[in-house]
C-alpha atoms as a PDB file:
ATOM      1  CA  UNK A   1      95.614 -18.228  14.759  1.00  0.00           C
ATOM      2  CA  UNK A   2      93.970 -19.827  17.766  1.00  0.00           C
ATOM      3  CA  UNK A   3      94.734 -22.852  19.723  1.00  0.00           C
ATOM      4  CA  UNK A   4      93.500 -26.329  18.583  1.00  0.00           C
ATOM      5  CA  UNK A   5      90.688 -26.140  21.101  1.00  0.00           C
ATOM      6  CA  UNK A   6      89.607 -22.719  20.033  1.00  0.00           C
ATOM      7  CA  UNK A   7      89.480 -23.882  16.491  1.00  0.00           C
ATOM      8  CA  UNK A   8      87.508 -26.968  17.450  1.00  0.00           C
ATOM      9  CA  UNK A   9      85.011 -24.739  19.368  1.00  0.00           C
ATOM     10  CA  UNK A  10      84.567 -22.448  16.427  1.00  0.00           C
ATOM     11  CA  UNK A  11      83.950 -25.456  14.164  1.00  0.00           C
ATOM     12  CA  UNK A  12      81.473 -26.909  16.515  1.00  0.00           C
ATOM     13  CA  UNK A  13      79.672 -23.626  16.701  1.00  0.00           C
ATOM     14  CA  UNK A  14      79.618 -23.396  12.901  1.00  0.00           C
ATOM     15  CA  UNK A  15      78.180 -26.849  12.573  1.00  0.00           C
ATOM     16  CA  UNK A  16      75.550 -25.969  15.232  1.00  0.00           C
ATOM     17  CA  UNK A  17      74.623 -22.872  13.365  1.00  0.00           C
ATOM     18  CA  UNK A  18      74.314 -24.729  10.032  1.00  0.00           C
ATOM     19  CA  UNK A  19      72.085 -27.305  11.883  1.00  0.00           C
ATOM     20  CA  UNK A  20      69.850 -24.626  13.251  1.00  0.00           C
ATOM     21  CA  UNK A  21      69.497 -23.023   9.770  1.00  0.00           C
ATOM     22  CA  UNK A  22      68.663 -26.410   8.130  1.00  0.00           C
ATOM     23  CA  UNK A  23      66.026 -27.070  10.704  1.00  0.00           C
ATOM     24  CA  UNK A  24      64.402 -23.646  10.168  1.00  0.00           C
ATOM     25  CA  UNK A  25      64.438 -24.255   6.491  1.00  0.00           C
ATOM     26  CA  UNK A  26      62.870 -27.810   6.909  1.00  0.00           C
ATOM     27  CA  UNK A  27      60.134 -26.217   9.183  1.00  0.00           C
ATOM     28  CA  UNK A  28      59.399 -23.565   6.638  1.00  0.00           C
ATOM     29  CA  UNK A  29      59.256 -26.023   3.840  1.00  0.00           C
ATOM     30  CA  UNK A  30      56.887 -28.260   5.782  1.00  0.00           C
ATOM     31  CA  UNK A  31      54.636 -25.297   6.423  1.00  0.00           C
ATOM     32  CA  UNK A  32      54.664 -24.330   2.738  1.00  0.00           C
ATOM     33  CA  UNK A  33      53.836 -27.918   1.790  1.00  0.00           C
ATOM     34  CA  UNK A  34      50.728 -27.728   4.110  1.00  0.00           C
ATOM     35  CA  UNK A  35      49.578 -24.349   2.493  1.00  0.00           C
ATOM     36  CA  UNK A  36      49.985 -25.598  -0.983  1.00  0.00           C
ATOM     37  CA  UNK A  37      48.143 -28.874   0.001  1.00  0.00           C
ATOM     38  CA  UNK A  38      45.110 -26.758   0.910  1.00  0.00           C
ATOM     39  CA  UNK A  39      45.311 -24.885  -2.430  1.00  0.00           C
ATOM     40  CA  UNK A  40      45.343 -27.962  -4.698  1.00  0.00           C
ATOM     41  CA  UNK A  41      41.662 -27.559  -5.701  1.00  0.00           C
ATOM     42  CA  UNK A  42      42.202 -23.949  -6.638  1.00  0.00           C
ATOM     43  CA  UNK A  43      45.677 -23.444  -8.024  1.00  0.00           C
ATOM     44  CA  UNK A  44      47.215 -25.354 -10.827  1.00  0.00           C
ATOM     45  CA  UNK A  45      50.644 -26.835  -9.747  1.00  0.00           C
ATOM     46  CA  UNK A  46      49.982 -26.602  -6.094  1.00  0.00           C
ATOM     47  CA  UNK A  47      50.178 -30.309  -5.537  1.00  0.00           C
ATOM     48  CA  UNK A  48      53.503 -30.474  -7.312  1.00  0.00           C
ATOM     49  CA  UNK A  49      54.841 -27.516  -5.304  1.00  0.00           C
ATOM     50  CA  UNK A  50      53.789 -29.206  -2.124  1.00  0.00           C
ATOM     51  CA  UNK A  51      55.652 -32.319  -3.116  1.00  0.00           C
ATOM     52  CA  UNK A  52      58.830 -30.371  -3.811  1.00  0.00           C
ATOM     53  CA  UNK A  53      58.383 -28.628  -0.443  1.00  0.00           C
ATOM     54  CA  UNK A  54      58.137 -32.092   1.293  1.00  0.00           C
ATOM     55  CA  UNK A  55      61.218 -33.296  -0.540  1.00  0.00           C
ATOM     56  CA  UNK A  56      63.141 -30.077   0.481  1.00  0.00           C
ATOM     57  CA  UNK A  57      62.062 -30.575   4.107  1.00  0.00           C
ATOM     58  CA  UNK A  58      63.128 -34.119   4.177  1.00  0.00           C
ATOM     59  CA  UNK A  59      66.622 -33.255   2.752  1.00  0.00           C
ATOM     60  CA  UNK A  60      66.959 -30.283   5.241  1.00  0.00           C
ATOM     61  CA  UNK A  61      66.213 -32.530   8.209  1.00  0.00           C
ATOM     62  CA  UNK A  62      68.876 -34.893   6.929  1.00  0.00           C
ATOM     63  CA  UNK A  63      71.349 -32.108   6.524  1.00  0.00           C
ATOM     64  CA  UNK A  64      70.529 -30.888  10.073  1.00  0.00           C
ATOM     65  CA  UNK A  65      71.209 -34.327  11.532  1.00  0.00           C
ATOM     66  CA  UNK A  66      74.528 -34.393   9.624  1.00  0.00           C
ATOM     67  CA  UNK A  67      75.551 -31.030  10.856  1.00  0.00           C
ATOM     68  CA  UNK A  68      74.632 -31.926  14.501  1.00  0.00           C
ATOM     69  CA  UNK A  69      76.954 -34.783  14.107  1.00  0.00           C
ATOM     70  CA  UNK A  70      79.576 -32.402  12.944  1.00  0.00           C
ATOM     71  CA  UNK A  71      79.550 -33.864   9.387  1.00  0.00           C
ATOM     72  CA  UNK A  72      78.978 -32.485   5.939  1.00  0.00           C
ATOM     73  CA  UNK A  73      75.642 -33.755   4.490  1.00  0.00           C
ATOM     74  CA  UNK A  74      76.041 -36.370   1.703  1.00  0.00           C
ATOM     75  CA  UNK A  75      76.180 -35.066  -1.843  1.00  0.00           C
ATOM     76  CA  UNK A  76      72.744 -36.350  -2.697  1.00  0.00           C
ATOM     77  CA  UNK A  77      71.107 -34.413   0.092  1.00  0.00           C
ATOM     78  CA  UNK A  78      73.007 -31.340  -0.808  1.00  0.00           C
ATOM     79  CA  UNK A  79      71.833 -31.810  -4.581  1.00  0.00           C
ATOM     80  CA  UNK A  80      68.261 -32.498  -3.485  1.00  0.00           C
ATOM     81  CA  UNK A  81      68.358 -29.063  -1.593  1.00  0.00           C
ATOM     82  CA  UNK A  82      69.899 -27.359  -4.685  1.00  0.00           C
ATOM     83  CA  UNK A  83      67.124 -28.660  -6.975  1.00  0.00           C
ATOM     84  CA  UNK A  84      64.217 -28.325  -4.570  1.00  0.00           C
ATOM     85  CA  UNK A  85      63.334 -24.753  -5.598  1.00  0.00           C
ATOM     86  CA  UNK A  86      63.316 -25.533  -9.253  1.00  0.00           C
ATOM     87  CA  UNK A  87      60.345 -27.267 -10.829  1.00  0.00           C
ATOM     88  CA  UNK A  88      61.366 -30.447 -12.728  1.00  0.00           C
ATOM     89  CA  UNK A  89      60.169 -29.260 -16.111  1.00  0.00           C
ATOM     90  CA  UNK A  90      62.054 -25.958 -15.819  1.00  0.00           C
ATOM     91  CA  UNK A  91      64.827 -25.644 -18.396  1.00  0.00           C
END
């Protein structure tokens, strides 16, 4: 078992890694939203998909900010991220 400082450093590294991952997911979701926005005239459901992507991106940015502050994102943010990949009408 490491010293308190070593444990703190490992925790800080973990939070930073989680923040980096959340930011990458947010950027990816934003890019996906832009692509789906361009497809709305040709593909059924594209507008809804773009909206889900924007919702996911916003939640991922919130999660990243929490991780950067060495905090766990709020429950509602984590739940939004969990639901984001599932269409609302899916059963």
